Structure formats: C-alpha cells, structure tokens
N, C-alpha and C. Protein backbone atom coordinates (compact mmCIF):
# COMPACT_ATOMS: atom_id res chain seq x y z
N MET A 1 -6.10 13.66 9.93
CA MET A 1 -4.97 14.27 10.62
C MET A 1 -4.22 13.24 11.48
N ARG A 2 -4.96 12.28 12.03
CA ARG A 2 -4.32 11.28 12.88
C ARG A 2 -3.26 10.47 12.13
N LEU A 3 -3.49 10.26 10.85
CA LEU A 3 -2.56 9.42 10.09
C LEU A 3 -1.18 10.06 9.97
N LYS A 4 -1.10 11.39 10.12
CA LYS A 4 0.19 12.07 10.07
C LYS A 4 1.09 11.66 11.23
N SER A 5 0.48 11.29 12.35
CA SER A 5 1.27 10.91 13.52
C SER A 5 1.16 9.42 13.86
N THR A 6 0.59 8.64 12.95
CA THR A 6 0.46 7.20 13.17
C THR A 6 1.63 6.51 12.49
N PRO A 7 2.55 5.94 13.26
CA PRO A 7 3.72 5.31 12.65
C PRO A 7 3.38 3.98 11.99
N ARG A 8 4.16 3.61 11.01
CA ARG A 8 4.04 2.30 10.38
C ARG A 8 4.76 1.31 11.31
N ILE A 9 3.98 0.59 12.07
CA ILE A 9 4.47 -0.26 13.15
C ILE A 9 5.39 -1.38 12.67
N GLY A 10 5.12 -1.93 11.51
CA GLY A 10 5.95 -3.03 11.01
C GLY A 10 7.42 -2.69 10.96
N TRP A 11 7.71 -1.44 10.60
CA TRP A 11 9.12 -1.02 10.58
C TRP A 11 9.70 -0.99 11.98
N LEU A 12 8.93 -0.46 12.93
CA LEU A 12 9.40 -0.39 14.32
C LEU A 12 9.67 -1.79 14.88
N LEU A 13 8.79 -2.75 14.55
CA LEU A 13 8.96 -4.12 15.03
C LEU A 13 10.24 -4.76 14.48
N ARG A 14 10.74 -4.21 13.39
CA ARG A 14 11.95 -4.75 12.78
C ARG A 14 13.18 -3.90 13.10
N GLY A 15 13.05 -3.03 14.09
CA GLY A 15 14.20 -2.27 14.58
C GLY A 15 14.52 -1.00 13.83
N VAL A 16 13.68 -0.58 12.92
CA VAL A 16 13.93 0.66 12.19
C VAL A 16 13.51 1.83 13.08
N ARG A 17 14.32 2.85 13.10
CA ARG A 17 14.02 4.05 13.88
C ARG A 17 13.54 5.15 12.94
N ASP A 18 12.88 6.14 13.49
CA ASP A 18 12.38 7.27 12.68
C ASP A 18 11.60 6.79 11.46
N VAL A 19 10.57 6.02 11.72
CA VAL A 19 9.79 5.41 10.63
C VAL A 19 8.79 6.39 10.04
N GLU A 20 8.38 6.09 8.83
CA GLU A 20 7.37 6.89 8.15
C GLU A 20 6.02 6.75 8.85
N SER A 21 5.18 7.75 8.66
CA SER A 21 3.81 7.69 9.17
C SER A 21 2.92 7.05 8.11
N VAL A 22 1.71 6.70 8.51
CA VAL A 22 0.75 6.14 7.56
C VAL A 22 0.44 7.18 6.48
N ALA A 23 0.36 8.46 6.86
CA ALA A 23 0.10 9.52 5.88
C ALA A 23 1.24 9.62 4.86
N GLU A 24 2.47 9.51 5.32
CA GLU A 24 3.61 9.54 4.40
C GLU A 24 3.55 8.35 3.44
N HIS A 25 3.20 7.20 3.98
CA HIS A 25 3.05 6.01 3.14
C HIS A 25 1.94 6.23 2.10
N SER A 26 0.81 6.78 2.52
CA SER A 26 -0.30 7.01 1.59
C SER A 26 0.09 7.96 0.48
N PHE A 27 0.89 8.96 0.81
CA PHE A 27 1.39 9.87 -0.22
C PHE A 27 2.28 9.11 -1.21
N GLY A 28 3.17 8.27 -0.70
CA GLY A 28 4.03 7.47 -1.58
C GLY A 28 3.21 6.56 -2.47
N VAL A 29 2.18 5.96 -1.92
CA VAL A 29 1.30 5.09 -2.70
C VAL A 29 0.62 5.89 -3.80
N ALA A 30 0.16 7.10 -3.48
CA ALA A 30 -0.51 7.94 -4.48
C ALA A 30 0.43 8.30 -5.63
N VAL A 31 1.66 8.65 -5.31
CA VAL A 31 2.63 9.01 -6.37
C VAL A 31 2.93 7.79 -7.25
N ILE A 32 3.18 6.66 -6.64
CA ILE A 32 3.48 5.45 -7.41
C ILE A 32 2.26 5.03 -8.22
N ALA A 33 1.07 5.12 -7.64
CA ALA A 33 -0.16 4.77 -8.36
C ALA A 33 -0.34 5.67 -9.58
N MET A 34 -0.05 6.96 -9.42
CA MET A 34 -0.15 7.89 -10.54
C MET A 34 0.79 7.48 -11.67
N LEU A 35 2.03 7.13 -11.30
CA LEU A 35 3.00 6.70 -12.31
C LEU A 35 2.57 5.39 -12.97
N LEU A 36 2.03 4.46 -12.19
CA LEU A 36 1.54 3.20 -12.77
C LEU A 36 0.35 3.46 -13.70
N ALA A 37 -0.51 4.39 -13.32
CA ALA A 37 -1.65 4.74 -14.18
C ALA A 37 -1.17 5.31 -15.51
N ASP A 38 -0.18 6.19 -15.45
CA ASP A 38 0.37 6.74 -16.70
C ASP A 38 1.00 5.65 -17.56
N ARG A 39 1.66 4.74 -16.92
CA ARG A 39 2.28 3.61 -17.62
C ARG A 39 1.20 2.75 -18.27
N ALA A 40 0.14 2.48 -17.53
CA ALA A 40 -0.96 1.66 -18.05
C ALA A 40 -1.64 2.36 -19.23
N ARG A 41 -1.89 3.64 -19.09
CA ARG A 41 -2.55 4.40 -20.16
C ARG A 41 -1.68 4.43 -21.42
N ALA A 42 -0.38 4.54 -21.24
CA ALA A 42 0.53 4.54 -22.39
C ALA A 42 0.48 3.20 -23.14
N ARG A 43 0.05 2.16 -22.44
CA ARG A 43 -0.06 0.83 -23.04
C ARG A 43 -1.49 0.50 -23.47
N GLY A 44 -2.34 1.52 -23.47
CA GLY A 44 -3.70 1.35 -23.96
C GLY A 44 -4.73 0.88 -22.94
N VAL A 45 -4.36 0.85 -21.66
CA VAL A 45 -5.30 0.45 -20.62
C VAL A 45 -6.08 1.68 -20.17
N GLU A 46 -7.39 1.56 -20.11
CA GLU A 46 -8.22 2.67 -19.68
C GLU A 46 -8.20 2.75 -18.15
N VAL A 47 -7.77 3.89 -17.64
CA VAL A 47 -7.64 4.10 -16.19
C VAL A 47 -8.26 5.45 -15.84
N ASN A 48 -9.12 5.44 -14.83
CA ASN A 48 -9.69 6.67 -14.30
C ASN A 48 -8.71 7.17 -13.22
N VAL A 49 -7.88 8.12 -13.58
CA VAL A 49 -6.80 8.57 -12.70
C VAL A 49 -7.33 9.27 -11.46
N GLU A 50 -8.39 10.05 -11.59
CA GLU A 50 -8.95 10.69 -10.40
C GLU A 50 -9.41 9.64 -9.39
N ARG A 51 -10.10 8.63 -9.88
CA ARG A 51 -10.58 7.55 -9.01
C ARG A 51 -9.41 6.83 -8.35
N LEU A 52 -8.39 6.54 -9.13
CA LEU A 52 -7.19 5.87 -8.64
C LEU A 52 -6.52 6.70 -7.53
N LEU A 53 -6.36 8.00 -7.75
CA LEU A 53 -5.70 8.84 -6.75
C LEU A 53 -6.53 8.98 -5.48
N ARG A 54 -7.83 9.09 -5.63
CA ARG A 54 -8.70 9.14 -4.45
C ARG A 54 -8.55 7.85 -3.64
N MET A 55 -8.56 6.74 -4.34
CA MET A 55 -8.44 5.44 -3.69
C MET A 55 -7.09 5.32 -2.98
N ALA A 56 -6.03 5.75 -3.64
CA ALA A 56 -4.70 5.68 -3.04
C ALA A 56 -4.61 6.50 -1.76
N LEU A 57 -5.21 7.67 -1.78
CA LEU A 57 -5.16 8.53 -0.60
C LEU A 57 -6.01 8.00 0.55
N LEU A 58 -7.04 7.23 0.22
CA LEU A 58 -7.95 6.70 1.24
C LEU A 58 -7.67 5.27 1.66
N HIS A 59 -6.76 4.58 0.99
CA HIS A 59 -6.65 3.13 1.16
C HIS A 59 -6.36 2.67 2.59
N ASP A 60 -5.70 3.47 3.39
CA ASP A 60 -5.40 3.10 4.79
C ASP A 60 -6.13 3.98 5.80
N MET A 61 -7.22 4.60 5.38
CA MET A 61 -7.95 5.53 6.24
C MET A 61 -8.41 4.88 7.55
N THR A 62 -8.76 3.62 7.52
CA THR A 62 -9.25 2.97 8.75
C THR A 62 -8.17 2.91 9.83
N GLU A 63 -6.92 3.04 9.44
CA GLU A 63 -5.83 3.02 10.41
C GLU A 63 -5.83 4.25 11.31
N ALA A 64 -6.64 5.23 10.97
CA ALA A 64 -6.81 6.38 11.86
C ALA A 64 -7.47 5.93 13.17
N ARG A 65 -8.20 4.81 13.11
CA ARG A 65 -8.86 4.27 14.31
C ARG A 65 -8.11 3.08 14.90
N THR A 66 -7.52 2.25 14.05
CA THR A 66 -6.87 1.02 14.55
C THR A 66 -5.38 1.18 14.76
N GLY A 67 -4.79 2.19 14.14
CA GLY A 67 -3.34 2.23 14.05
C GLY A 67 -2.93 1.29 12.93
N ASP A 68 -1.66 1.24 12.67
CA ASP A 68 -1.13 0.37 11.62
C ASP A 68 -0.91 -1.01 12.23
N LEU A 69 -1.74 -1.96 11.83
CA LEU A 69 -1.60 -3.33 12.34
C LEU A 69 -0.73 -4.13 11.39
N PRO A 70 0.48 -4.47 11.79
CA PRO A 70 1.35 -5.24 10.91
C PRO A 70 0.88 -6.69 10.79
N SER A 71 1.35 -7.37 9.78
CA SER A 71 0.94 -8.76 9.53
C SER A 71 1.26 -9.66 10.72
N THR A 72 2.29 -9.33 11.47
CA THR A 72 2.65 -10.15 12.63
C THR A 72 1.57 -10.12 13.70
N ILE A 73 0.77 -9.06 13.71
CA ILE A 73 -0.33 -8.95 14.66
C ILE A 73 -1.63 -9.46 14.04
N LYS A 74 -1.86 -9.11 12.78
CA LYS A 74 -3.11 -9.47 12.11
C LYS A 74 -3.37 -10.97 12.12
N ARG A 75 -2.33 -11.76 12.05
CA ARG A 75 -2.53 -13.21 11.97
C ARG A 75 -3.20 -13.77 13.22
N TYR A 76 -3.13 -13.06 14.33
CA TYR A 76 -3.76 -13.53 15.56
C TYR A 76 -5.27 -13.26 15.59
N PHE A 77 -5.72 -12.35 14.75
CA PHE A 77 -7.13 -11.99 14.72
C PHE A 77 -7.89 -12.66 13.59
N GLY A 78 -7.20 -13.07 12.56
CA GLY A 78 -7.84 -13.69 11.41
C GLY A 78 -8.33 -12.65 10.41
N LYS A 79 -8.29 -13.03 9.13
CA LYS A 79 -8.66 -12.11 8.06
C LYS A 79 -10.10 -11.63 8.18
N ALA A 80 -11.01 -12.54 8.53
CA ALA A 80 -12.42 -12.17 8.59
C ALA A 80 -12.68 -11.10 9.66
N ALA A 81 -12.05 -11.23 10.81
CA ALA A 81 -12.24 -10.26 11.89
C ALA A 81 -11.64 -8.90 11.51
N ILE A 82 -10.48 -8.90 10.91
CA ILE A 82 -9.83 -7.66 10.48
C ILE A 82 -10.69 -6.98 9.41
N LYS A 83 -11.17 -7.77 8.45
CA LYS A 83 -12.00 -7.23 7.38
C LYS A 83 -13.28 -6.63 7.94
N ALA A 84 -13.93 -7.32 8.85
CA ALA A 84 -15.17 -6.82 9.45
C ALA A 84 -14.93 -5.52 10.21
N ALA A 85 -13.83 -5.47 10.96
CA ALA A 85 -13.50 -4.25 11.70
C ALA A 85 -13.24 -3.10 10.74
N ASP A 86 -12.46 -3.35 9.69
CA ASP A 86 -12.17 -2.29 8.71
C ASP A 86 -13.44 -1.78 8.05
N GLU A 87 -14.35 -2.68 7.71
CA GLU A 87 -15.61 -2.26 7.07
C GLU A 87 -16.45 -1.41 8.03
N THR A 88 -16.51 -1.82 9.28
CA THR A 88 -17.27 -1.05 10.28
C THR A 88 -16.65 0.34 10.46
N ILE A 89 -15.33 0.37 10.56
CA ILE A 89 -14.63 1.65 10.74
C ILE A 89 -14.83 2.55 9.52
N ALA A 90 -14.71 1.98 8.33
CA ALA A 90 -14.88 2.77 7.10
C ALA A 90 -16.29 3.37 7.07
N LYS A 91 -17.28 2.58 7.41
CA LYS A 91 -18.66 3.10 7.42
C LYS A 91 -18.80 4.23 8.42
N GLU A 92 -18.19 4.08 9.60
CA GLU A 92 -18.26 5.14 10.61
C GLU A 92 -17.58 6.42 10.13
N ILE A 93 -16.37 6.26 9.60
CA ILE A 93 -15.60 7.43 9.16
C ILE A 93 -16.30 8.15 8.01
N PHE A 94 -16.68 7.39 6.99
CA PHE A 94 -17.22 8.02 5.79
C PHE A 94 -18.65 8.50 5.95
N THR A 95 -19.41 7.90 6.87
CA THR A 95 -20.78 8.36 7.13
C THR A 95 -20.75 9.80 7.64
N GLU A 96 -19.68 10.16 8.34
CA GLU A 96 -19.54 11.52 8.86
C GLU A 96 -19.45 12.55 7.73
N LEU A 97 -19.24 12.10 6.49
CA LEU A 97 -19.11 13.01 5.36
C LEU A 97 -20.45 13.32 4.69
N GLY A 98 -21.52 12.81 5.24
CA GLY A 98 -22.85 13.12 4.71
C GLY A 98 -23.05 12.61 3.29
N ASP A 99 -23.40 13.54 2.39
CA ASP A 99 -23.71 13.18 1.00
C ASP A 99 -22.55 12.52 0.27
N LEU A 100 -21.35 12.73 0.73
CA LEU A 100 -20.18 12.14 0.08
C LEU A 100 -19.91 10.70 0.51
N SER A 101 -20.58 10.27 1.56
CA SER A 101 -20.24 8.98 2.17
C SER A 101 -20.33 7.82 1.20
N GLU A 102 -21.36 7.76 0.38
CA GLU A 102 -21.53 6.62 -0.53
C GLU A 102 -20.37 6.51 -1.52
N SER A 103 -19.94 7.63 -2.08
CA SER A 103 -18.86 7.56 -3.07
C SER A 103 -17.53 7.16 -2.41
N TYR A 104 -17.28 7.62 -1.19
CA TYR A 104 -16.06 7.24 -0.49
C TYR A 104 -16.10 5.78 -0.07
N LEU A 105 -17.25 5.32 0.38
CA LEU A 105 -17.39 3.90 0.74
C LEU A 105 -17.20 3.01 -0.48
N GLU A 106 -17.72 3.45 -1.60
CA GLU A 106 -17.57 2.66 -2.83
C GLU A 106 -16.10 2.53 -3.20
N LEU A 107 -15.35 3.61 -3.07
CA LEU A 107 -13.91 3.56 -3.32
C LEU A 107 -13.22 2.60 -2.36
N PHE A 108 -13.59 2.67 -1.09
CA PHE A 108 -13.01 1.79 -0.08
C PHE A 108 -13.28 0.32 -0.42
N PHE A 109 -14.53 -0.01 -0.72
CA PHE A 109 -14.87 -1.40 -1.01
C PHE A 109 -14.26 -1.89 -2.32
N ASP A 110 -14.16 -1.01 -3.29
CA ASP A 110 -13.49 -1.39 -4.54
C ASP A 110 -12.04 -1.74 -4.25
N TYR A 111 -11.37 -0.92 -3.47
CA TYR A 111 -9.97 -1.22 -3.13
C TYR A 111 -9.87 -2.55 -2.39
N GLU A 112 -10.71 -2.74 -1.41
CA GLU A 112 -10.66 -3.96 -0.60
C GLU A 112 -10.93 -5.23 -1.43
N HIS A 113 -11.80 -5.12 -2.42
CA HIS A 113 -12.19 -6.31 -3.21
C HIS A 113 -11.46 -6.40 -4.56
N ARG A 114 -10.65 -5.39 -4.90
CA ARG A 114 -9.89 -5.36 -6.15
C ARG A 114 -10.79 -5.58 -7.37
N THR A 115 -11.91 -4.85 -7.43
CA THR A 115 -12.87 -5.04 -8.50
C THR A 115 -12.58 -4.24 -9.76
N SER A 116 -11.63 -3.34 -9.71
CA SER A 116 -11.33 -2.51 -10.88
C SER A 116 -9.83 -2.48 -11.15
N VAL A 117 -9.48 -2.03 -12.34
CA VAL A 117 -8.06 -1.88 -12.66
C VAL A 117 -7.44 -0.84 -11.73
N GLU A 118 -8.21 0.19 -11.38
CA GLU A 118 -7.69 1.22 -10.47
C GLU A 118 -7.32 0.61 -9.11
N SER A 119 -8.18 -0.25 -8.58
CA SER A 119 -7.90 -0.84 -7.26
C SER A 119 -6.70 -1.77 -7.32
N ARG A 120 -6.53 -2.47 -8.42
CA ARG A 120 -5.36 -3.36 -8.56
C ARG A 120 -4.07 -2.56 -8.72
N LEU A 121 -4.15 -1.45 -9.42
CA LEU A 121 -2.97 -0.58 -9.54
C LEU A 121 -2.61 0.03 -8.19
N VAL A 122 -3.61 0.43 -7.41
CA VAL A 122 -3.33 1.00 -6.09
C VAL A 122 -2.72 -0.06 -5.18
N LYS A 123 -3.22 -1.29 -5.25
CA LYS A 123 -2.64 -2.37 -4.43
C LYS A 123 -1.19 -2.61 -4.83
N ALA A 124 -0.92 -2.62 -6.13
CA ALA A 124 0.46 -2.77 -6.59
C ALA A 124 1.32 -1.61 -6.10
N ALA A 125 0.77 -0.40 -6.14
CA ALA A 125 1.51 0.77 -5.65
C ALA A 125 1.78 0.66 -4.16
N ASP A 126 0.83 0.10 -3.42
CA ASP A 126 0.99 -0.12 -1.98
C ASP A 126 2.19 -1.03 -1.73
N LYS A 127 2.28 -2.10 -2.49
CA LYS A 127 3.38 -3.06 -2.32
C LYS A 127 4.69 -2.47 -2.83
N LEU A 128 4.65 -1.75 -3.94
CA LEU A 128 5.87 -1.12 -4.46
C LEU A 128 6.41 -0.08 -3.48
N ASP A 129 5.52 0.70 -2.88
CA ASP A 129 5.96 1.69 -1.89
C ASP A 129 6.65 1.00 -0.72
N LEU A 130 6.12 -0.14 -0.29
CA LEU A 130 6.73 -0.91 0.79
C LEU A 130 8.15 -1.34 0.41
N LEU A 131 8.33 -1.82 -0.82
CA LEU A 131 9.65 -2.27 -1.26
C LEU A 131 10.62 -1.10 -1.40
N VAL A 132 10.16 0.00 -1.96
CA VAL A 132 11.02 1.19 -2.10
C VAL A 132 11.43 1.70 -0.72
N GLN A 133 10.47 1.75 0.20
CA GLN A 133 10.78 2.21 1.56
C GLN A 133 11.74 1.24 2.25
N SER A 134 11.51 -0.04 2.07
CA SER A 134 12.40 -1.05 2.65
C SER A 134 13.83 -0.84 2.15
N ARG A 135 13.96 -0.60 0.87
CA ARG A 135 15.29 -0.38 0.28
C ARG A 135 15.93 0.87 0.89
N GLU A 136 15.17 1.92 1.08
CA GLU A 136 15.71 3.14 1.68
C GLU A 136 16.18 2.89 3.11
N TYR A 137 15.38 2.14 3.87
CA TYR A 137 15.78 1.84 5.24
C TYR A 137 17.03 0.96 5.26
N GLU A 138 17.12 0.03 4.32
CA GLU A 138 18.31 -0.82 4.24
C GLU A 138 19.55 0.00 3.89
N LYS A 139 19.39 0.97 3.00
CA LYS A 139 20.52 1.84 2.66
C LYS A 139 21.00 2.60 3.89
N GLY A 140 20.06 2.90 4.80
CA GLY A 140 20.39 3.60 6.03
C GLY A 140 20.89 2.69 7.14
N GLY A 141 21.03 1.40 6.84
CA GLY A 141 21.60 0.47 7.81
C GLY A 141 20.63 -0.51 8.44
N ALA A 142 19.35 -0.42 8.11
CA ALA A 142 18.37 -1.34 8.70
C ALA A 142 18.63 -2.77 8.22
N ARG A 143 18.38 -3.70 9.12
CA ARG A 143 18.53 -5.12 8.80
C ARG A 143 17.19 -5.81 9.05
N SER A 144 17.13 -7.08 8.74
CA SER A 144 15.93 -7.89 8.99
C SER A 144 14.73 -7.47 8.15
N LEU A 145 14.97 -6.98 6.95
CA LEU A 145 13.87 -6.60 6.07
C LEU A 145 13.73 -7.56 4.88
N GLN A 146 14.49 -8.63 4.91
CA GLN A 146 14.48 -9.60 3.82
C GLN A 146 13.08 -10.17 3.56
N GLU A 147 12.27 -10.32 4.60
CA GLU A 147 10.95 -10.94 4.46
C GLU A 147 10.07 -10.19 3.46
N PHE A 148 10.22 -8.88 3.36
CA PHE A 148 9.42 -8.11 2.42
C PHE A 148 9.78 -8.45 0.98
N TRP A 149 11.03 -8.75 0.77
CA TRP A 149 11.50 -9.12 -0.57
C TRP A 149 11.14 -10.57 -0.88
N ASP A 150 11.16 -11.41 0.15
CA ASP A 150 10.82 -12.83 -0.04
C ASP A 150 9.37 -13.01 -0.48
N THR A 151 8.50 -12.13 -0.04
CA THR A 151 7.08 -12.26 -0.37
C THR A 151 6.64 -11.37 -1.53
N ALA A 152 7.58 -10.66 -2.12
CA ALA A 152 7.22 -9.69 -3.16
C ALA A 152 6.46 -10.34 -4.31
N ASP A 153 6.95 -11.44 -4.83
CA ASP A 153 6.30 -12.06 -5.98
C ASP A 153 4.88 -12.50 -5.66
N SER A 154 4.69 -13.11 -4.50
CA SER A 154 3.34 -13.56 -4.13
C SER A 154 2.43 -12.37 -3.82
N ASP A 155 3.01 -11.26 -3.34
CA ASP A 155 2.20 -10.07 -3.07
C ASP A 155 1.59 -9.50 -4.35
N PHE A 156 2.30 -9.62 -5.44
CA PHE A 156 1.82 -9.07 -6.71
C PHE A 156 0.99 -10.08 -7.51
N ALA A 157 1.13 -11.35 -7.19
CA ALA A 157 0.41 -12.39 -7.91
C ALA A 157 -1.09 -12.19 -7.75
N GLY A 158 -1.81 -12.44 -8.79
CA GLY A 158 -3.25 -12.36 -8.72
C GLY A 158 -3.83 -10.98 -8.97
N LEU A 159 -2.99 -9.98 -9.13
CA LEU A 159 -3.51 -8.65 -9.42
C LEU A 159 -3.87 -8.49 -10.90
N GLY A 160 -3.34 -9.39 -11.72
CA GLY A 160 -3.66 -9.35 -13.15
C GLY A 160 -3.01 -8.21 -13.90
N ILE A 161 -1.93 -7.69 -13.37
CA ILE A 161 -1.25 -6.57 -14.04
C ILE A 161 0.25 -6.82 -14.15
N ASP A 162 0.64 -8.09 -14.24
CA ASP A 162 2.05 -8.44 -14.34
C ASP A 162 2.77 -7.70 -15.47
N ASP A 163 2.09 -7.53 -16.60
CA ASP A 163 2.71 -6.87 -17.73
C ASP A 163 3.05 -5.41 -17.44
N LEU A 164 2.41 -4.83 -16.44
CA LEU A 164 2.66 -3.43 -16.09
C LEU A 164 3.71 -3.25 -14.99
N ILE A 165 3.93 -4.30 -14.18
CA ILE A 165 4.78 -4.11 -13.01
C ILE A 165 5.95 -5.07 -12.88
N SER A 166 5.93 -6.20 -13.58
CA SER A 166 6.97 -7.21 -13.36
C SER A 166 8.37 -6.66 -13.60
N ASP A 167 8.55 -5.84 -14.64
CA ASP A 167 9.87 -5.28 -14.90
C ASP A 167 10.30 -4.30 -13.80
N LEU A 168 9.34 -3.58 -13.23
CA LEU A 168 9.66 -2.65 -12.13
C LEU A 168 10.11 -3.40 -10.88
N VAL A 169 9.41 -4.48 -10.58
CA VAL A 169 9.77 -5.28 -9.41
C VAL A 169 11.15 -5.89 -9.61
N GLU A 170 11.41 -6.42 -10.78
CA GLU A 170 12.72 -7.01 -11.06
C GLU A 170 13.83 -5.97 -10.97
N GLU A 171 13.57 -4.76 -11.46
CA GLU A 171 14.57 -3.69 -11.39
C GLU A 171 14.85 -3.31 -9.93
N LEU A 172 13.81 -3.25 -9.12
CA LEU A 172 14.00 -2.96 -7.70
C LEU A 172 14.85 -4.03 -7.04
N LYS A 173 14.57 -5.29 -7.36
CA LYS A 173 15.33 -6.40 -6.78
C LYS A 173 16.80 -6.32 -7.19
N LYS A 174 17.06 -6.02 -8.46
CA LYS A 174 18.44 -5.91 -8.95
C LYS A 174 19.17 -4.76 -8.26
N SER A 175 18.48 -3.62 -8.14
CA SER A 175 19.10 -2.46 -7.48
C SER A 175 19.43 -2.76 -6.04
N ARG A 176 18.51 -3.45 -5.37
CA ARG A 176 18.72 -3.81 -3.98
C ARG A 176 19.90 -4.76 -3.86
N LYS A 177 19.96 -5.73 -4.73
CA LYS A 177 21.06 -6.71 -4.70
C LYS A 177 22.40 -5.99 -4.87
N LYS A 178 22.44 -5.06 -5.80
CA LYS A 178 23.66 -4.28 -6.04
C LYS A 178 24.02 -3.47 -4.79
N ASP A 179 23.02 -2.85 -4.16
CA ASP A 179 23.26 -2.08 -2.93
C ASP A 179 23.86 -2.97 -1.84
N LEU A 180 23.30 -4.16 -1.67
CA LEU A 180 23.76 -5.06 -0.62
C LEU A 180 25.16 -5.57 -0.91
N GLU A 181 25.48 -5.78 -2.18
CA GLU A 181 26.84 -6.23 -2.55
C GLU A 181 27.88 -5.15 -2.30
N ASN A 182 27.47 -3.91 -2.41
CA ASN A 182 28.40 -2.79 -2.25
C ASN A 182 28.62 -2.37 -0.79
N LYS A 183 27.95 -3.04 0.12
CA LYS A 183 28.10 -2.68 1.55
C LYS A 183 29.36 -3.28 2.11
C-alpha cells in the first residue's frame, strides 16, 4: 500500500510536478513486460508469463521501506551498500508472508541477478517504462530529461535481448525527436 503514495523522486529532482508513484510505475512495468513476453513468445522464446508478471509487480517492493532512491543519491552509497540493504529489506518484507516467502524471495533475487529471460524482460520493461514516462512528461512541458535518453542504449546493453527490444527503443527515440521538433 505504501508504494501507492511513494513518489518517483528522480522526476521531482528534475522539476517535474505531479509525478507518478512507485505503484504506478510498477503497473506500467507489468504491462510493458507482458507485451514484451508476448513478443518474445511470438518469436519462439519460451517465457513463463506468470513468473514475469509476478516479478514485474514486485521489482520495486523494497522501495516501500527506502522510498525511491534516484541514481543521483545511490552513487553516494555505492552499489554494494544499496544491494545489501535491498536484500535485507526483501527478506524482511517477504518473510512476513510465511510459506510464500521463499518463492517471492526467489523472484526478487532472480530479478536482481538477471538469471532468467523473465528477469531480463522485466528489466527491459523497467527501462522502457522510464523512457515512455519521460516522453509523456516532456510532452507536458518538462525539461532536463535528456539524460534518460542519453543512457538508454547502455541501460539495455547486456540484457541479451536486443533482437526483442532494439526496434522499440529506436521507435521511441524517433517519436521523441519528432515531438521535440514540433514544439
């Protein structure tokens, strides 16, 4: 429930008003992940869609305790400290679920370590949702969001699913460029 009222701080730091909540972001990630899974399956990739959707809905669950820590803040703590805190928080949150805790923790760790095609698709959906949301905020007049587009290619690199997403990313970039030219 906390995630419904937890704002995505990165947008606020860049001057965007009325920003989405972490829960709204997680919903967007789930929808995009579902579409990516369908796309992957149509191309012969075996995807467990239930697992993927569960992972998408849970991927930012630890932010119920930490809030949304943007990259501008995370760099001061270091990746190892952030990772350790997230793992501790995930164990605390999911242990409260009793018999379900192991399966939820497994989903969390799979997402964090990108050990399955489902986790890589969810990570791609996470980044795609960020770009789609950035574009929407820019259409509404937001500025200073170029950094998200500058890092887009490196954000997707290493996921091993370029054949599934590269055309989508390029289409988003073209649409954004057209939007900016028409302003």
